[in-house]
Amino acid sequence: MTRSGQDYLDSLRDGRSVWLDGELVKDITEHPAFRNTARSIAHLYDLARDEKLRDVLTATPEGTGPGDPVLRAYQVPRSHADLVRRRAAFKTWSEASYGFLGRSPDYMAAGIAGFVSAPEIFAGTDGGFDGRDNLAAYYRRMSSGSLYQSFTITNPQIDRTKSASEQEENDLYVRVVKERDDGIVVRGAKMIGTAAVFGDEIIVGTIEPLAPQDIEHALTFSMPIDTPGLKFISRASYEASARSVFDNPLSSRFDENDALLVCDDVFVPWERVLTYRDVQASFLMWWGTPAYHHFVHQASVRFWTKLEFLTGLAILIAKSNNTYQLPPVQMQIGRLIGWLNIARSMVIAAESEFERVGTDPDGPVHINREIASAHRAMAGDLYPKFLAEIKMLAGGGLIQLPASGYDLTHPELGPLVAKYVRSPGTPSEQRIKLLKLAWDALGSEFASRHEQYERFYHGAPHVYLPGIVRDGDPDRLAAFTQSCLDGYDLGTGPAGAAEPGAGHAR
């Protein structure tokens, strides 16, 4: 049986070095900046133990007995049916946070299943470090323990015109500073550790290409969060600034935080290393295995779920404003539902057009890479438009709200609020509750972070737009159009027209 939510919370009380506002946080399960989100994550683990959901959220991996289930995200998919079952698991967990926990435990679990789908990548190049045995042990440890793998795989934004080894200081990015018989010592930093402080282990690597001279930075390892020398410097906590669940229903419960990881001469045993001094393997573990496509599968289901929530929010706002039946409002709602179904359809299409790893007819599969790549661009472009449409529906009601729901209980203010902050069929408390939810999703600092997250969490446009060309088939598209050009010339008349489109179907 997978671990319980209480097991998860107990694991967080390990003395990890998490810093916030100049304070060393002693226990994130009790600190007002982290405690509610930790419990939201714990709830996900409890769902996996629920008899009604156990078959949805867990699976029995290959080579284990019937009594050894793991989180379904850890299962290596080998068929279209497996991908559909994974989608159902992703959907169940994402609905528990309305799509606002982007890096829930299933995200990186899916990536790890991608790693073990192509273990040859970890054999290394030119007879160097071979991480395959470590990878197998890593997969067993993470899956059997239902562990939450957080990660930091992006180098700090110091000087983007220079490679890792050309930075003004040689330890700005994580690098090896010492090699020992029993392991290595690393120093440096990684940025945007989303949900990093909530993990059991942190995987440190580099998803972006490294130059050949960056060999000392070309490594990947996973360590327990409480490892000596690991420091997590958190951004401002939206959970900590939330006044109440009524006033901040999303940010008070689903602020997964983002942290800068600093490695201060951290010792990493050899058995924890997956790639070492290998630029190619350190890059291909993300892009040459199905790991990234598994990331997109989880993220695209979560994004679809989030759009469902936001569309429902728009409908409730329109009904509360008594404008739902107006034709212009119906147009706006229809536009949102149309966009939502584009996101949903891309998930289903990517599963249906799945691809297989290697030539084994029973080998691992992943969602279609071309559609997965296109989803990155679609989501980043669509999310701001989605928010803008709902803001237009809500109007000034989002701004003119009581500072706190407690105003409703004040003997003097309560009657005034009840009189003036309402609408036909929607009493004051109900309307304020709805618009507080809307503001938290659309206009708060928490909402702004989520807009930025949806636009950049899978990379910047200059990275993912060329990626669509790489993952697509531009030659086929050009040849299809060329077939039209080749079908006629200056002397071709109506009677001699070539049969259109022959022989160029996909």
Protein backbone atom coordinates (compact mmCIF):
# COMPACT_ATOMS: atom_id res chain seq x y z
CA MET A 1 0.00 0.00 0.00
CA THR A 2 1.24 3.49 -0.79
CA ARG A 3 2.03 5.75 2.11
CA SER A 4 -0.59 7.86 3.84
CA GLY A 5 -0.84 11.61 4.03
CA GLN A 6 0.30 11.48 7.65
CA ASP A 7 3.33 9.42 6.63
CA TYR A 8 4.17 12.16 4.16
CA LEU A 9 3.78 14.95 6.72
CA ASP A 10 5.93 13.07 9.21
CA SER A 11 8.67 12.73 6.58
CA LEU A 12 8.87 16.51 6.25
CA ARG A 13 9.99 16.91 9.87
CA ASP A 14 13.58 16.02 9.06
CA GLY A 15 15.51 19.21 9.77
CA ARG A 16 15.67 20.38 6.15
CA SER A 17 17.23 23.80 5.61
CA VAL A 18 14.42 26.01 4.31
CA TRP A 19 14.85 29.77 4.56
CA LEU A 20 12.12 32.41 4.34
CA ASP A 21 12.38 36.12 5.18
CA GLY A 22 15.77 35.59 6.78
CA GLU A 23 14.38 32.87 9.03
CA LEU A 24 15.35 29.22 9.14
CA VAL A 25 12.05 27.35 9.09
CA LYS A 26 12.16 24.62 11.71
CA ASP A 27 9.06 22.66 10.66
CA ILE A 28 7.30 23.37 7.37
CA THR A 29 4.29 21.32 8.47
CA GLU A 30 3.54 23.94 11.15
CA HIS A 31 4.91 27.14 9.61
CA PRO A 32 2.16 29.48 8.31
CA ALA A 33 3.97 29.82 4.97
CA PHE A 34 3.85 26.09 4.18
CA ARG A 35 1.53 24.13 6.46
CA ASN A 36 -1.71 24.29 4.46
CA THR A 37 -0.05 23.41 1.16
CA ALA A 38 1.76 20.51 2.86
CA ARG A 39 -1.63 19.24 3.96
CA SER A 40 -3.05 19.66 0.46
CA ILE A 41 -0.23 17.45 -0.83
CA ALA A 42 -0.83 14.97 2.00
CA HIS A 43 -4.45 14.77 0.86
CA LEU A 44 -3.25 13.50 -2.53
CA TYR A 45 -1.54 10.57 -0.84
CA ASP A 46 -4.70 9.82 1.12
CA LEU A 47 -6.69 9.76 -2.11
CA ALA A 48 -4.38 7.03 -3.42
CA ARG A 49 -5.35 4.88 -0.43
CA ASP A 50 -9.08 5.48 -0.87
CA GLU A 51 -10.72 2.21 -1.91
CA LYS A 52 -12.81 4.00 -4.51
CA LEU A 53 -9.74 5.54 -6.16
CA ARG A 54 -7.01 3.00 -5.49
CA ASP A 55 -7.30 1.36 -8.91
CA VAL A 56 -7.23 4.79 -10.57
CA LEU A 57 -4.24 6.19 -8.71
CA THR A 58 -2.07 3.10 -8.21
CA ALA A 59 -0.76 0.25 -10.33
CA THR A 60 1.32 -2.89 -9.92
CA PRO A 61 4.68 -2.42 -11.65
CA GLU A 62 6.41 -5.15 -13.62
CA GLY A 63 8.33 -7.69 -11.58
CA THR A 64 6.44 -7.16 -8.31
CA GLY A 65 3.72 -9.07 -6.53
CA PRO A 66 0.03 -8.15 -6.36
CA GLY A 67 0.51 -6.60 -2.93
CA ASP A 68 3.07 -4.05 -4.05
CA PRO A 69 1.21 -1.19 -5.76
CA VAL A 70 2.92 2.08 -6.63
CA LEU A 71 1.55 5.43 -7.69
CA ARG A 72 0.35 5.00 -11.26
CA ALA A 73 2.60 7.83 -12.42
CA TYR A 74 5.58 5.59 -11.67
CA GLN A 75 4.30 2.83 -13.96
CA VAL A 76 6.01 2.59 -17.35
CA PRO A 77 3.19 2.84 -19.95
CA ARG A 78 3.28 0.23 -22.73
CA SER A 79 0.01 0.83 -24.56
CA HIS A 80 -2.60 3.41 -25.43
CA ALA A 81 -4.74 1.97 -22.62
CA ASP A 82 -1.91 2.63 -20.15
CA LEU A 83 -1.73 6.25 -21.26
CA VAL A 84 -5.48 6.65 -20.79
CA ARG A 85 -5.24 5.16 -17.29
CA ARG A 86 -2.38 7.54 -16.48
CA ARG A 87 -4.54 10.42 -17.67
CA ALA A 88 -7.30 9.38 -15.28
CA ALA A 89 -4.79 9.39 -12.40
CA PHE A 90 -3.40 12.78 -13.39
CA LYS A 91 -6.95 14.14 -13.67
CA THR A 92 -7.98 12.88 -10.25
CA TRP A 93 -5.05 14.50 -8.48
CA SER A 94 -5.23 17.75 -10.46
CA GLU A 95 -8.93 18.13 -9.63
CA ALA A 96 -8.03 17.97 -5.93
CA SER A 97 -6.19 21.30 -6.32
CA TYR A 98 -8.34 22.66 -9.19
CA GLY A 99 -5.18 22.57 -11.32
CA PHE A 100 -3.19 24.95 -9.10
CA LEU A 101 -0.56 22.46 -7.86
CA GLY A 102 1.64 22.29 -10.92
CA ARG A 103 4.46 20.18 -9.49
CA SER A 104 2.46 17.64 -7.54
CA PRO A 105 4.26 14.32 -6.84
CA ASP A 106 2.99 12.69 -10.04
CA TYR A 107 4.86 15.19 -12.25
CA MET A 108 8.39 14.01 -11.58
CA ALA A 109 7.23 10.44 -10.92
CA ALA A 110 6.10 10.36 -14.54
CA GLY A 111 9.51 11.68 -15.57
CA ILE A 112 11.30 8.93 -13.65
CA ALA A 113 9.17 6.36 -15.49
CA GLY A 114 10.50 8.01 -18.64
CA PHE A 115 14.11 7.63 -17.50
CA VAL A 116 13.81 3.88 -16.98
CA SER A 117 12.09 3.52 -20.37
CA ALA A 118 15.44 4.23 -22.07
CA PRO A 119 18.18 3.19 -19.61
CA GLU A 120 20.81 3.04 -22.35
CA ILE A 121 20.99 6.84 -22.24
CA PHE A 122 22.54 6.54 -18.76
CA ALA A 123 25.31 4.24 -19.97
CA GLY A 124 27.29 7.37 -20.75
CA THR A 125 29.51 8.12 -23.70
CA ASP A 126 33.11 7.28 -24.54
CA GLY A 127 33.41 4.68 -21.79
CA GLY A 128 32.70 7.19 -19.04
CA PHE A 129 30.41 6.98 -16.03
CA ASP A 130 27.71 4.30 -16.35
CA GLY A 131 24.63 5.23 -14.30
CA ARG A 132 22.31 2.38 -15.31
CA ASP A 133 22.57 0.42 -12.07
CA ASN A 134 22.09 3.61 -10.07
CA LEU A 135 19.06 4.45 -12.21
CA ALA A 136 17.45 1.07 -11.51
CA ALA A 137 18.03 1.43 -7.78
CA TYR A 138 16.75 5.02 -7.90
CA TYR A 139 13.53 3.92 -9.59
CA ARG A 140 12.94 1.18 -7.02
CA ARG A 141 13.58 3.55 -4.14
CA MET A 142 11.28 6.29 -5.38
CA SER A 143 8.42 4.10 -6.62
CA SER A 144 8.31 1.61 -3.74
CA GLY A 145 8.38 4.44 -1.19
CA SER A 146 5.79 6.60 -3.00
CA LEU A 147 8.38 9.33 -2.63
CA TYR A 148 7.89 12.89 -3.79
CA GLN A 149 10.70 13.81 -6.17
CA SER A 150 11.22 17.56 -6.43
CA PHE A 151 13.79 19.01 -8.79
CA THR A 152 15.90 21.98 -9.85
CA ILE A 153 17.23 21.73 -13.39
CA THR A 154 17.63 25.36 -14.47
CA ASN A 155 20.79 27.41 -14.06
CA PRO A 156 20.49 30.87 -12.45
CA GLN A 157 20.00 33.83 -14.79
CA ILE A 158 23.45 35.33 -14.37
CA ASP A 159 24.90 35.89 -17.84
CA ARG A 160 22.92 34.08 -20.52
CA THR A 161 25.46 35.06 -23.19
CA LYS A 162 28.08 32.78 -21.64
CA SER A 163 28.25 29.04 -21.03
CA ALA A 164 28.27 27.55 -17.54
CA SER A 165 32.06 27.34 -17.36
CA GLU A 166 32.50 30.91 -18.63
CA GLN A 167 30.55 32.65 -15.85
CA GLU A 168 32.34 35.32 -13.83
CA GLU A 169 32.62 32.93 -10.86
CA ASN A 170 33.16 29.20 -11.22
CA ASP A 171 30.50 28.10 -8.72
CA LEU A 172 27.47 30.10 -9.81
CA TYR A 173 26.01 26.95 -11.36
CA VAL A 174 26.19 23.56 -9.65
CA ARG A 175 29.50 21.89 -10.46
CA VAL A 176 31.85 19.25 -9.12
CA VAL A 177 34.56 20.74 -6.90
CA LYS A 178 36.03 17.51 -5.54
CA GLU A 179 36.03 13.84 -6.45
CA ARG A 180 36.42 11.19 -3.74
CA ASP A 181 36.54 7.40 -3.68
CA ASP A 182 33.05 7.31 -2.20
CA GLY A 183 31.47 10.15 -4.17
CA ILE A 184 31.71 13.77 -5.25
CA VAL A 185 31.40 17.21 -3.66
CA VAL A 186 29.30 19.81 -5.48
CA ARG A 187 28.90 23.55 -5.11
CA GLY A 188 26.69 26.16 -6.79
CA ALA A 189 23.02 26.95 -7.33
CA LYS A 190 19.93 26.07 -9.35
CA MET A 191 16.82 28.22 -9.73
CA ILE A 192 13.05 27.78 -9.76
CA GLY A 193 12.72 24.81 -7.48
CA THR A 194 8.94 24.75 -7.72
CA ALA A 195 7.56 22.79 -4.74
CA ALA A 196 11.16 21.84 -3.94
CA VAL A 197 10.75 22.36 -0.18
CA PHE A 198 7.89 19.82 -0.11
CA GLY A 199 9.81 16.93 -1.66
CA ASP A 200 11.44 13.86 -0.18
CA GLU A 201 14.39 14.09 -2.54
CA ILE A 202 15.67 16.76 -4.90
CA ILE A 203 17.03 15.83 -8.32
CA VAL A 204 19.65 18.27 -9.56
CA GLY A 205 20.60 18.40 -13.21
CA THR A 206 20.50 20.56 -16.32
CA ILE A 207 17.73 20.33 -18.87
CA GLU A 208 19.25 22.99 -21.12
CA PRO A 209 22.16 22.19 -23.47
CA LEU A 210 25.66 22.53 -22.08
CA ALA A 211 28.75 23.38 -24.08
CA PRO A 212 31.50 20.73 -24.40
CA GLN A 213 33.70 22.75 -22.04
CA ASP A 214 31.02 22.60 -19.31
CA ILE A 215 31.92 19.06 -18.36
CA GLU A 216 32.25 19.86 -14.63
CA HIS A 217 28.62 21.05 -14.68
CA ALA A 218 27.39 18.03 -16.63
CA LEU A 219 26.02 15.84 -13.86
CA THR A 220 22.73 14.68 -12.36
CA PHE A 221 22.04 13.35 -8.88
CA SER A 222 19.18 12.95 -6.41
CA MET A 223 19.58 13.58 -2.68
CA PRO A 224 17.34 13.69 0.40
CA ILE A 225 16.11 17.21 1.11
CA ASP A 226 17.76 17.21 4.56
CA THR A 227 21.25 16.50 3.15
CA PRO A 228 23.86 18.69 4.90
CA GLY A 229 24.82 21.66 2.74
CA LEU A 230 21.53 21.85 0.82
CA LYS A 231 19.83 25.22 1.36
CA PHE A 232 16.45 26.30 -0.02
CA ILE A 233 15.80 30.05 -0.19
CA SER A 234 12.08 30.54 -0.72
CA ARG A 235 10.28 33.32 -2.50
CA ALA A 236 7.58 35.30 -0.70
CA SER A 237 4.83 33.04 0.56
CA TYR A 238 1.31 33.77 -0.66
CA GLU A 239 0.02 31.28 1.87
CA ALA A 240 1.60 33.25 4.70
CA SER A 241 -0.02 36.49 3.53
CA ALA A 242 -3.47 34.91 3.08
CA ARG A 243 -5.95 36.37 5.59
CA SER A 244 -8.23 33.33 5.68
CA VAL A 245 -9.47 30.52 3.48
CA PHE A 246 -12.63 32.60 2.86
CA ASP A 247 -10.60 35.60 1.65
CA ASN A 248 -7.86 33.64 -0.15
CA PRO A 249 -9.28 30.19 -0.91
CA LEU A 250 -6.57 29.18 -3.41
CA SER A 251 -3.39 30.86 -2.21
CA SER A 252 -4.04 29.78 1.38
CA ARG A 253 -4.05 26.08 0.40
CA PHE A 254 -2.22 25.57 -2.91
CA ASP A 255 0.87 27.79 -2.82
CA GLU A 256 3.52 25.27 -3.87
CA ASN A 257 6.27 27.85 -3.44
CA ASP A 258 9.43 28.26 -5.52
CA ALA A 259 12.93 28.19 -4.10
CA LEU A 260 16.52 28.83 -5.04
CA LEU A 261 18.65 25.77 -4.30
CA VAL A 262 22.16 26.43 -3.02
CA CYS A 263 24.63 23.55 -2.72
CA ASP A 264 27.25 24.47 -0.16
CA ASP A 265 29.89 21.76 -0.65
CA VAL A 266 27.34 18.95 -0.66
CA PHE A 267 28.67 15.40 -0.58
CA VAL A 268 26.94 13.10 -3.08
CA PRO A 269 27.66 9.35 -2.82
CA TRP A 270 28.38 7.61 -6.12
CA GLU A 271 25.20 5.52 -5.84
CA ARG A 272 23.17 8.75 -5.95
CA VAL A 273 24.72 9.91 -9.24
CA LEU A 274 22.86 9.32 -12.52
CA THR A 275 25.11 11.15 -15.00
CA TYR A 276 28.63 12.41 -14.44
CA ARG A 277 30.98 14.58 -16.49
CA ASP A 278 28.92 13.77 -19.57
CA VAL A 279 27.38 16.66 -21.48
CA GLN A 280 25.44 14.45 -23.85
CA ALA A 281 23.97 12.05 -21.27
CA SER A 282 23.05 14.93 -18.94
CA PHE A 283 21.04 16.48 -21.76
CA LEU A 284 19.56 13.35 -23.35
CA MET A 285 18.19 11.98 -20.08
CA TRP A 286 15.50 14.66 -20.45
CA TRP A 287 15.13 14.73 -24.23
CA GLY A 288 16.33 11.30 -25.41
CA THR A 289 14.05 9.40 -23.02
CA PRO A 290 10.26 9.80 -22.75
CA ALA A 291 10.72 11.85 -19.55
CA TYR A 292 9.83 15.21 -21.05
CA HIS A 293 6.81 13.83 -22.93
CA HIS A 294 5.58 12.29 -19.67
CA PHE A 295 5.96 15.73 -18.06
CA VAL A 296 3.80 17.25 -20.76
CA HIS A 297 1.20 14.50 -20.37
CA GLN A 298 0.75 15.31 -16.68
CA ALA A 299 0.94 19.06 -17.25
CA SER A 300 -1.53 19.07 -20.15
CA VAL A 301 -4.11 17.15 -18.09
CA ARG A 302 -3.60 19.57 -15.21
CA PHE A 303 -3.92 22.54 -17.58
CA TRP A 304 -7.16 21.16 -19.00
CA THR A 305 -8.45 20.74 -15.41
CA LYS A 306 -7.45 24.29 -14.52
CA LEU A 307 -9.33 25.64 -17.56
CA GLU A 308 -12.40 23.67 -16.45
CA PHE A 309 -12.22 25.38 -13.08
CA LEU A 310 -11.76 28.82 -14.62
CA THR A 311 -14.60 28.27 -17.07
CA GLY A 312 -16.87 27.27 -14.19
CA LEU A 313 -15.75 30.41 -12.37
CA ALA A 314 -16.73 32.53 -15.39
CA ILE A 315 -20.16 30.90 -15.52
CA LEU A 316 -20.79 31.50 -11.82
CA ILE A 317 -19.70 35.14 -12.13
CA ALA A 318 -22.00 35.72 -15.09
CA LYS A 319 -24.92 34.12 -13.29
CA SER A 320 -24.19 36.12 -10.14
CA ASN A 321 -24.17 39.32 -12.23
CA ASN A 322 -27.48 38.22 -13.80
CA THR A 323 -25.89 38.52 -17.25
CA TYR A 324 -25.47 34.85 -18.16
CA GLN A 325 -28.28 34.81 -20.74
CA LEU A 326 -27.13 37.95 -22.57
CA PRO A 327 -25.87 37.14 -26.09
CA PRO A 328 -22.49 38.92 -25.67
CA VAL A 329 -21.88 37.01 -22.43
CA GLN A 330 -22.89 33.75 -24.08
CA MET A 331 -20.28 34.51 -26.73
CA GLN A 332 -17.60 34.96 -24.07
CA ILE A 333 -18.57 31.77 -22.25
CA GLY A 334 -18.65 29.93 -25.57
CA ARG A 335 -15.16 31.18 -26.38
CA LEU A 336 -13.88 29.86 -23.04
CA ILE A 337 -15.52 26.48 -23.52
CA GLY A 338 -14.07 26.33 -27.04
CA TRP A 339 -10.57 27.01 -25.75
CA LEU A 340 -11.06 24.50 -22.96
CA ASN A 341 -11.94 21.81 -25.47
CA ILE A 342 -8.91 22.62 -27.59
CA ALA A 343 -6.77 21.84 -24.53
CA ARG A 344 -8.77 18.69 -23.79
CA SER A 345 -8.65 17.50 -27.40
CA MET A 346 -4.89 17.91 -27.59
CA VAL A 347 -4.48 15.54 -24.63
CA ILE A 348 -6.70 12.90 -26.21
CA ALA A 349 -5.05 13.30 -29.61
CA ALA A 350 -1.54 13.06 -28.14
CA GLU A 351 -2.50 9.79 -26.46
CA SER A 352 -4.19 8.38 -29.56
CA GLU A 353 -1.16 9.23 -31.72
CA PHE A 354 1.24 7.72 -29.17
CA GLU A 355 4.79 6.75 -30.07
CA ARG A 356 6.80 3.74 -28.98
CA VAL A 357 10.31 3.79 -27.57
CA GLY A 358 12.58 1.60 -29.71
CA THR A 359 11.44 -1.28 -31.92
CA ASP A 360 10.02 -3.70 -29.34
CA PRO A 361 6.27 -3.98 -30.09
CA ASP A 362 5.67 -4.36 -26.35
CA GLY A 363 8.09 -1.62 -25.36
CA PRO A 364 7.38 1.62 -23.50
CA VAL A 365 5.23 4.32 -25.11
CA HIS A 366 4.72 8.05 -24.67
CA ILE A 367 2.33 10.67 -26.02
CA ASN A 368 2.91 12.07 -29.49
CA ARG A 369 5.94 14.36 -29.37
CA GLU A 370 4.71 16.76 -32.06
CA ILE A 371 1.41 17.37 -30.28
CA ALA A 372 3.19 17.54 -26.91
CA SER A 373 5.52 20.18 -28.28
CA ALA A 374 2.61 22.15 -29.72
CA HIS A 375 0.82 22.03 -26.38
CA ARG A 376 3.66 24.00 -24.79
CA ALA A 377 3.02 26.89 -27.17
CA MET A 378 -0.76 26.65 -26.96
CA ALA A 379 -0.88 26.74 -23.15
CA GLY A 380 1.50 29.66 -22.75
CA ASP A 381 -0.37 31.69 -25.35
CA LEU A 382 -3.89 30.76 -24.21
CA TYR A 383 -3.73 31.22 -20.44
CA PRO A 384 -3.41 35.04 -20.39
CA LYS A 385 -6.29 35.28 -22.87
CA PHE A 386 -8.40 33.05 -20.66
CA LEU A 387 -7.82 35.27 -17.64
CA ALA A 388 -8.52 38.42 -19.63
CA GLU A 389 -11.93 37.13 -20.79
CA ILE A 390 -13.02 36.31 -17.24
CA LYS A 391 -11.80 39.66 -15.93
CA MET A 392 -13.96 41.37 -18.54
CA LEU A 393 -16.95 39.35 -17.33
CA ALA A 394 -16.30 40.21 -13.69
CA GLY A 395 -15.74 43.94 -14.21
CA GLY A 396 -15.37 46.27 -11.22
CA GLY A 397 -16.82 43.73 -8.84
CA LEU A 398 -13.35 42.23 -8.50
CA ILE A 399 -12.05 45.53 -7.15
CA GLN A 400 -14.84 46.72 -4.86
CA LEU A 401 -14.71 43.98 -2.27
CA PRO A 402 -14.58 44.19 1.52
CA ALA A 403 -11.06 43.86 2.88
CA SER A 404 -12.12 40.73 4.69
CA GLY A 405 -15.09 38.46 4.95
CA TYR A 406 -15.12 39.32 8.64
CA ASP A 407 -16.72 42.65 7.70
CA LEU A 408 -19.92 40.67 7.24
CA THR A 409 -19.99 39.80 10.94
CA HIS A 410 -19.33 43.35 12.18
CA PRO A 411 -22.44 44.83 13.89
CA GLU A 412 -22.17 48.16 12.07
CA LEU A 413 -20.50 47.20 8.76
CA GLY A 414 -22.29 43.91 8.25
CA PRO A 415 -25.69 45.39 7.37
CA LEU A 416 -24.07 47.90 5.00
CA VAL A 417 -22.09 45.23 3.18
CA ALA A 418 -25.14 43.00 3.01
CA LYS A 419 -27.16 45.84 1.46
CA TYR A 420 -24.72 47.10 -1.15
CA VAL A 421 -22.55 44.11 -2.10
CA ARG A 422 -25.09 41.71 -3.57
CA SER A 423 -26.99 40.99 -6.76
CA PRO A 424 -30.43 39.55 -7.64
CA GLY A 425 -30.60 36.01 -6.33
CA THR A 426 -27.09 36.17 -4.83
CA PRO A 427 -26.90 37.22 -1.17
CA SER A 428 -23.97 39.29 0.03
CA GLU A 429 -21.95 36.52 1.66
CA GLN A 430 -22.30 34.25 -1.35
CA ARG A 431 -21.32 37.00 -3.80
CA ILE A 432 -18.31 38.09 -1.75
CA LYS A 433 -17.18 34.48 -1.40
CA LEU A 434 -17.38 34.01 -5.18
CA LEU A 435 -15.53 37.21 -6.02
CA LYS A 436 -12.85 36.54 -3.40
CA LEU A 437 -12.25 33.22 -5.15
CA ALA A 438 -12.21 34.98 -8.51
CA TRP A 439 -9.68 37.58 -7.35
CA ASP A 440 -7.40 34.90 -5.93
CA ALA A 441 -7.50 33.09 -9.29
CA LEU A 442 -7.34 36.15 -11.57
CA GLY A 443 -5.81 39.24 -9.97
CA SER A 444 -3.90 38.47 -6.79
CA GLU A 445 -0.14 38.09 -6.51
CA PHE A 446 -0.78 34.34 -6.39
CA ALA A 447 -2.70 34.64 -9.67
CA SER A 448 0.08 36.67 -11.29
CA ARG A 449 2.60 34.01 -10.35
CA HIS A 450 0.37 31.38 -11.97
CA GLU A 451 0.08 33.39 -15.17
CA GLN A 452 3.86 33.63 -15.35
CA TYR A 453 4.14 29.95 -14.48
CA GLU A 454 1.80 28.82 -17.25
CA ARG A 455 3.71 30.91 -19.76
CA PHE A 456 7.20 29.73 -18.84
CA TYR A 457 7.16 26.50 -16.83
CA HIS A 458 8.07 24.46 -19.94
CA GLY A 459 10.56 27.00 -21.21
CA ALA A 460 10.56 30.34 -22.97
CA PRO A 461 9.02 30.85 -26.44
CA HIS A 462 12.43 31.08 -28.07
CA VAL A 463 13.03 27.53 -26.78
CA TYR A 464 9.71 25.78 -27.36
CA LEU A 465 8.65 27.36 -30.67
CA PRO A 466 11.73 26.09 -32.55
CA GLY A 467 11.11 22.82 -30.69
CA ILE A 468 7.81 22.45 -32.54
CA VAL A 469 9.75 22.54 -35.80
CA ARG A 470 12.22 19.98 -34.46
CA ASP A 471 9.54 17.60 -33.20
CA GLY A 472 7.28 18.07 -36.20
CA ASP A 473 7.68 17.02 -39.82
CA PRO A 474 8.26 20.25 -41.78
CA ASP A 475 9.62 18.37 -44.79
CA ARG A 476 6.35 16.45 -45.18
CA LEU A 477 4.34 19.68 -44.98
CA ALA A 478 6.55 21.38 -47.54
CA ALA A 479 6.37 18.34 -49.82
CA PHE A 480 2.58 18.32 -49.59
CA THR A 481 2.38 21.91 -50.76
CA GLN A 482 5.08 21.28 -53.36
CA SER A 483 2.90 18.50 -54.78
CA CYS A 484 0.33 21.15 -55.61
CA LEU A 485 2.95 23.27 -57.34
CA ASP A 486 4.22 20.24 -59.26
CA GLY A 487 0.74 19.41 -60.51
CA TYR A 488 0.51 22.22 -63.03
CA ASP A 489 2.55 24.63 -65.12
CA LEU A 490 1.97 27.43 -67.62
CA GLY A 491 0.68 25.02 -70.24
CA THR A 492 -1.77 23.16 -68.02
CA GLY A 493 -5.38 23.70 -69.00
CA PRO A 494 -8.59 22.79 -67.19
CA ALA A 495 -8.85 19.44 -68.97
CA GLY A 496 -5.30 18.48 -68.01
CA ALA A 497 -5.45 19.25 -64.32
CA ALA A 498 -3.64 16.77 -62.12
CA GLU A 499 -5.58 14.84 -59.51
CA PRO A 500 -5.14 16.91 -56.36
CA GLY A 501 -3.32 15.67 -53.29
CA ALA A 502 -2.48 12.19 -54.60
CA GLY A 503 -0.03 10.20 -52.54
CA HIS A 504 0.68 12.75 -49.81
CA ALA A 505 -1.61 11.74 -47.01
CA ARG A 506 0.01 11.20 -43.63
